[in-house]
């Protein structure tokens, strides 16, 4: 089951409060402003800054 689109619309980056986009594999949420990827585990977004991974670009 994919992440609920309504949930995606209300989630924001915990660091900058910016918009998030779902990864192609639907296994994470990306904040392009902070260049961070927040993982999705067992269909639950892990919205902790300490758990985020830095991304390139």
PDB file of N, CA and C in Angstrom:
ATOM      1  N   UNK A   1       0.849  -1.188   0.000  1.00  0.00           N
ATOM      2  CA  UNK A   1       0.000   0.000   0.000  1.00  0.00           C
ATOM      3  C   UNK A   1       0.889   1.244   0.000  1.00  0.00           C
ATOM      4  N   UNK A   2       0.595   2.157  -0.872  1.00  0.00           N
ATOM      5  CA  UNK A   2       1.384   3.385  -0.998  1.00  0.00           C
ATOM      6  C   UNK A   2       0.956   4.407   0.057  1.00  0.00           C
ATOM      7  N   UNK A   3       1.794   5.390   0.215  1.00  0.00           N
ATOM      8  CA  UNK A   3       1.502   6.474   1.144  1.00  0.00           C
ATOM      9  C   UNK A   3       0.252   7.218   0.685  1.00  0.00           C
ATOM     10  N   UNK A   4      -0.645   7.471   1.596  1.00  0.00           N
ATOM     11  CA  UNK A   4      -1.887   8.172   1.299  1.00  0.00           C
ATOM     12  C   UNK A   4      -1.568   9.568   0.749  1.00  0.00           C
ATOM     13  N   UNK A   5      -2.137   9.896  -0.389  1.00  0.00           N
ATOM     14  CA  UNK A   5      -1.864  11.188  -1.043  1.00  0.00           C
ATOM     15  C   UNK A   5      -2.354  12.364  -0.195  1.00  0.00           C
ATOM     16  N   UNK A   6      -3.440  12.175   0.557  1.00  0.00           N
ATOM     17  CA  UNK A   6      -3.913  13.245   1.442  1.00  0.00           C
ATOM     18  C   UNK A   6      -2.899  13.525   2.535  1.00  0.00           C
ATOM     19  N   UNK A   7      -2.278  12.474   3.056  1.00  0.00           N
ATOM     20  CA  UNK A   7      -1.240  12.643   4.076  1.00  0.00           C
ATOM     21  C   UNK A   7      -0.043  13.374   3.483  1.00  0.00           C
ATOM     22  N   UNK A   8       0.344  13.012   2.290  1.00  0.00           N
ATOM     23  CA  UNK A   8       1.475  13.662   1.631  1.00  0.00           C
ATOM     24  C   UNK A   8       1.223  15.166   1.463  1.00  0.00           C
ATOM     25  N   UNK A   9      -0.011  15.539   1.203  1.00  0.00           N
ATOM     26  CA  UNK A   9      -0.348  16.956   1.012  1.00  0.00           C
ATOM     27  C   UNK A   9      -0.208  17.781   2.276  1.00  0.00           C
ATOM     28  N   UNK A  10      -0.344  17.167   3.454  1.00  0.00           N
ATOM     29  CA  UNK A  10      -0.253  17.935   4.695  1.00  0.00           C
ATOM     30  C   UNK A  10       1.099  17.836   5.381  1.00  0.00           C
ATOM     31  N   UNK A  11       1.935  16.879   4.971  1.00  0.00           N
ATOM     32  CA  UNK A  11       3.263  16.750   5.577  1.00  0.00           C
ATOM     33  C   UNK A  11       4.191  17.860   5.099  1.00  0.00           C
ATOM     34  N   UNK A  12       5.069  18.289   5.986  1.00  0.00           N
ATOM     35  CA  UNK A  12       6.066  19.306   5.648  1.00  0.00           C
ATOM     36  C   UNK A  12       7.395  18.884   6.246  1.00  0.00           C
ATOM     37  N   UNK A  13       8.463  19.379   5.677  1.00  0.00           N
ATOM     38  CA  UNK A  13       9.802  19.109   6.184  1.00  0.00           C
ATOM     39  C   UNK A  13       9.904  19.643   7.619  1.00  0.00           C
ATOM     40  N   UNK A  14      10.339  18.815   8.556  1.00  0.00           N
ATOM     41  CA  UNK A  14      10.452  19.292   9.932  1.00  0.00           C
ATOM     42  C   UNK A  14      11.566  20.320  10.139  1.00  0.00           C
ATOM     43  N   UNK A  15      12.485  20.388   9.197  1.00  0.00           N
ATOM     44  CA  UNK A  15      13.602  21.328   9.330  1.00  0.00           C
ATOM     45  C   UNK A  15      13.243  22.719   8.812  1.00  0.00           C
ATOM     46  N   UNK A  16      12.685  22.787   7.594  1.00  0.00           N
ATOM     47  CA  UNK A  16      12.411  24.097   6.975  1.00  0.00           C
ATOM     48  C   UNK A  16      10.927  24.372   6.772  1.00  0.00           C
ATOM     49  N   UNK A  17      10.097  23.384   7.043  1.00  0.00           N
ATOM     50  CA  UNK A  17       8.636  23.472   6.856  1.00  0.00           C
ATOM     51  C   UNK A  17       8.239  23.558   5.384  1.00  0.00           C
ATOM     52  N   UNK A  18       9.152  23.161   4.500  1.00  0.00           N
ATOM     53  CA  UNK A  18       8.884  23.181   3.068  1.00  0.00           C
ATOM     54  C   UNK A  18       8.139  21.947   2.587  1.00  0.00           C
ATOM     55  N   UNK A  19       7.812  21.955   1.302  1.00  0.00           N
ATOM     56  CA  UNK A  19       7.089  20.849   0.684  1.00  0.00           C
ATOM     57  C   UNK A  19       7.975  19.624   0.548  1.00  0.00           C
ATOM     58  N   UNK A  20       7.333  18.459   0.545  1.00  0.00           N
ATOM     59  CA  UNK A  20       8.014  17.187   0.367  1.00  0.00           C
ATOM     60  C   UNK A  20       7.467  16.502  -0.873  1.00  0.00           C
ATOM     61  N   UNK A  21       8.331  15.740  -1.547  1.00  0.00           N
ATOM     62  CA  UNK A  21       7.887  14.950  -2.684  1.00  0.00           C
ATOM     63  C   UNK A  21       8.232  13.491  -2.417  1.00  0.00           C
ATOM     64  N   UNK A  22       7.391  12.620  -2.908  1.00  0.00           N
ATOM     65  CA  UNK A  22       7.575  11.186  -2.749  1.00  0.00           C
ATOM     66  C   UNK A  22       8.632  10.698  -3.734  1.00  0.00           C
ATOM     67  N   UNK A  23       9.518   9.815  -3.286  1.00  0.00           N
ATOM     68  CA  UNK A  23      10.520   9.248  -4.186  1.00  0.00           C
ATOM     69  C   UNK A  23       9.835   8.348  -5.206  1.00  0.00           C
ATOM     70  N   UNK A  24      10.512   8.059  -6.305  1.00  0.00           N
ATOM     71  CA  UNK A  24       9.940   7.197  -7.340  1.00  0.00           C
ATOM     72  C   UNK A  24       9.612   5.818  -6.794  1.00  0.00           C
ATOM     73  N   UNK A  25      10.472   5.307  -5.912  1.00  0.00           N
ATOM     74  CA  UNK A  25      10.254   3.988  -5.328  1.00  0.00           C
ATOM     75  C   UNK A  25       9.243   4.021  -4.178  1.00  0.00           C
ATOM     76  N   UNK A  26       8.755   5.209  -3.836  1.00  0.00           N
ATOM     77  CA  UNK A  26       7.808   5.422  -2.750  1.00  0.00           C
ATOM     78  C   UNK A  26       8.338   4.894  -1.416  1.00  0.00           C
ATOM     79  N   UNK A  27       9.660   5.035  -1.224  1.00  0.00           N
ATOM     80  CA  UNK A  27      10.277   4.584   0.028  1.00  0.00           C
ATOM     81  C   UNK A  27      10.846   5.742   0.837  1.00  0.00           C
ATOM     82  N   UNK A  28      10.529   6.962   0.415  1.00  0.00           N
ATOM     83  CA  UNK A  28      11.019   8.127   1.143  1.00  0.00           C
ATOM     84  C   UNK A  28      10.364   9.406   0.668  1.00  0.00           C
ATOM     85  N   UNK A  29      10.565  10.451   1.459  1.00  0.00           N
ATOM     86  CA  UNK A  29      10.067  11.781   1.131  1.00  0.00           C
ATOM     87  C   UNK A  29      11.262  12.710   1.023  1.00  0.00           C
ATOM     88  N   UNK A  30      11.297  13.521  -0.024  1.00  0.00           N
ATOM     89  CA  UNK A  30      12.438  14.388  -0.279  1.00  0.00           C
ATOM     90  C   UNK A  30      12.070  15.843  -0.079  1.00  0.00           C
ATOM     91  N   UNK A  31      12.932  16.548   0.652  1.00  0.00           N
ATOM     92  CA  UNK A  31      12.853  18.001   0.758  1.00  0.00           C
ATOM     93  C   UNK A  31      13.978  18.537  -0.118  1.00  0.00           C
ATOM     94  N   UNK A  32      13.609  19.171  -1.219  1.00  0.00           N
ATOM     95  CA  UNK A  32      14.616  19.677  -2.146  1.00  0.00           C
ATOM     96  C   UNK A  32      15.337  20.903  -1.584  1.00  0.00           C
ATOM     97  N   UNK A  33      14.669  21.671  -0.745  1.00  0.00           N
ATOM     98  CA  UNK A  33      15.292  22.860  -0.154  1.00  0.00           C
ATOM     99  C   UNK A  33      16.422  22.474   0.803  1.00  0.00           C
ATOM    100  N   UNK A  34      16.193  21.464   1.618  1.00  0.00           N
ATOM    101  CA  UNK A  34      17.203  21.029   2.607  1.00  0.00           C
ATOM    102  C   UNK A  34      18.114  19.938   2.067  1.00  0.00           C
ATOM    103  N   UNK A  35      17.735  19.375   0.909  1.00  0.00           N
ATOM    104  CA  UNK A  35      18.467  18.260   0.316  1.00  0.00           C
ATOM    105  C   UNK A  35      18.536  17.074   1.289  1.00  0.00           C
ATOM    106  N   UNK A  36      17.348  16.729   1.836  1.00  0.00           N
ATOM    107  CA  UNK A  36      17.224  15.615   2.763  1.00  0.00           C
ATOM    108  C   UNK A  36      16.158  14.643   2.272  1.00  0.00           C
ATOM    109  N   UNK A  37      16.375  13.376   2.589  1.00  0.00           N
ATOM    110  CA  UNK A  37      15.408  12.316   2.282  1.00  0.00           C
ATOM    111  C   UNK A  37      14.978  11.691   3.602  1.00  0.00           C
ATOM    112  N   UNK A  38      13.671  11.736   3.869  1.00  0.00           N
ATOM    113  CA  UNK A  38      13.107  11.129   5.067  1.00  0.00           C
ATOM    114  C   UNK A  38      12.571   9.752   4.679  1.00  0.00           C
ATOM    115  N   UNK A  39      12.993   8.691   5.366  1.00  0.00           N
ATOM    116  CA  UNK A  39      12.566   7.345   4.977  1.00  0.00           C
ATOM    117  C   UNK A  39      11.111   7.065   5.332  1.00  0.00           C
ATOM    118  N   UNK A  40      10.536   6.113   4.611  1.00  0.00           N
ATOM    119  CA  UNK A  40       9.209   5.596   4.938  1.00  0.00           C
ATOM    120  C   UNK A  40       9.427   4.141   5.328  1.00  0.00           C
ATOM    121  N   UNK A  41       9.053   3.792   6.549  1.00  0.00           N
ATOM    122  CA  UNK A  41       9.218   2.424   7.052  1.00  0.00           C
ATOM    123  C   UNK A  41       7.859   1.871   7.439  1.00  0.00           C
ATOM    124  N   UNK A  42       7.518   0.714   6.907  1.00  0.00           N
ATOM    125  CA  UNK A  42       6.225   0.083   7.183  1.00  0.00           C
ATOM    126  C   UNK A  42       5.074   1.056   6.940  1.00  0.00           C
ATOM    127  N   UNK A  43       5.167   1.795   5.827  1.00  0.00           N
ATOM    128  CA  UNK A  43       4.152   2.751   5.377  1.00  0.00           C
ATOM    129  C   UNK A  43       3.999   3.961   6.299  1.00  0.00           C
ATOM    130  N   UNK A  44       4.987   4.192   7.165  1.00  0.00           N
ATOM    131  CA  UNK A  44       4.955   5.324   8.089  1.00  0.00           C
ATOM    132  C   UNK A  44       6.151   6.233   7.809  1.00  0.00           C
ATOM    133  N   UNK A  45       5.924   7.503   7.461  1.00  0.00           N
ATOM    134  CA  UNK A  45       7.033   8.425   7.249  1.00  0.00           C
ATOM    135  C   UNK A  45       7.764   8.700   8.569  1.00  0.00           C
ATOM    136  N   UNK A  46       9.077   8.582   8.529  1.00  0.00           N
ATOM    137  CA  UNK A  46       9.899   8.866   9.704  1.00  0.00           C
ATOM    138  C   UNK A  46      10.376  10.312   9.565  1.00  0.00           C
ATOM    139  N   UNK A  47       9.691  11.213  10.249  1.00  0.00           N
ATOM    140  CA  UNK A  47       9.915  12.646  10.073  1.00  0.00           C
ATOM    141  C   UNK A  47      10.830  13.220  11.149  1.00  0.00           C
ATOM    142  N   UNK A  48      11.930  12.539  11.394  1.00  0.00           N
ATOM    143  CA  UNK A  48      12.928  12.990  12.362  1.00  0.00           C
ATOM    144  C   UNK A  48      14.153  13.479  11.603  1.00  0.00           C
ATOM    145  N   UNK A  49      14.610  14.664  11.917  1.00  0.00           N
ATOM    146  CA  UNK A  49      15.771  15.228  11.226  1.00  0.00           C
ATOM    147  C   UNK A  49      16.986  14.320  11.376  1.00  0.00           C
ATOM    148  N   UNK A  50      17.152  13.725  12.555  1.00  0.00           N
ATOM    149  CA  UNK A  50      18.290  12.829  12.789  1.00  0.00           C
ATOM    150  C   UNK A  50      18.237  11.558  11.949  1.00  0.00           C
ATOM    151  N   UNK A  51      17.066  11.173  11.487  1.00  0.00           N
ATOM    152  CA  UNK A  51      16.897   9.973  10.672  1.00  0.00           C
ATOM    153  C   UNK A  51      17.011  10.272   9.173  1.00  0.00           C
ATOM    154  N   UNK A  52      17.000  11.531   8.796  1.00  0.00           N
ATOM    155  CA  UNK A  52      17.045  11.911   7.383  1.00  0.00           C
ATOM    156  C   UNK A  52      18.426  11.648   6.789  1.00  0.00           C
ATOM    157  N   UNK A  53      18.429  11.394   5.492  1.00  0.00           N
ATOM    158  CA  UNK A  53      19.672  11.150   4.766  1.00  0.00           C
ATOM    159  C   UNK A  53      19.907  12.309   3.809  1.00  0.00           C
ATOM    160  N   UNK A  54      21.143  12.751   3.729  1.00  0.00           N
ATOM    161  CA  UNK A  54      21.502  13.805   2.778  1.00  0.00           C
ATOM    162  C   UNK A  54      21.440  13.256   1.354  1.00  0.00           C
ATOM    163  N   UNK A  55      20.960  14.075   0.430  1.00  0.00           N
ATOM    164  CA  UNK A  55      20.924  13.674  -0.982  1.00  0.00           C
ATOM    165  C   UNK A  55      21.729  14.663  -1.800  1.00  0.00           C
ATOM    166  N   UNK A  56      22.131  14.221  -2.986  1.00  0.00           N
ATOM    167  CA  UNK A  56      22.892  15.090  -3.890  1.00  0.00           C
ATOM    168  C   UNK A  56      21.929  15.899  -4.740  1.00  0.00           C
ATOM    169  N   UNK A  57      22.399  17.050  -5.170  1.00  0.00           N
ATOM    170  CA  UNK A  57      21.655  17.838  -6.132  1.00  0.00           C
ATOM    171  C   UNK A  57      20.729  18.765  -5.513  1.00  0.00           C
TER     172      UNK A  57
END
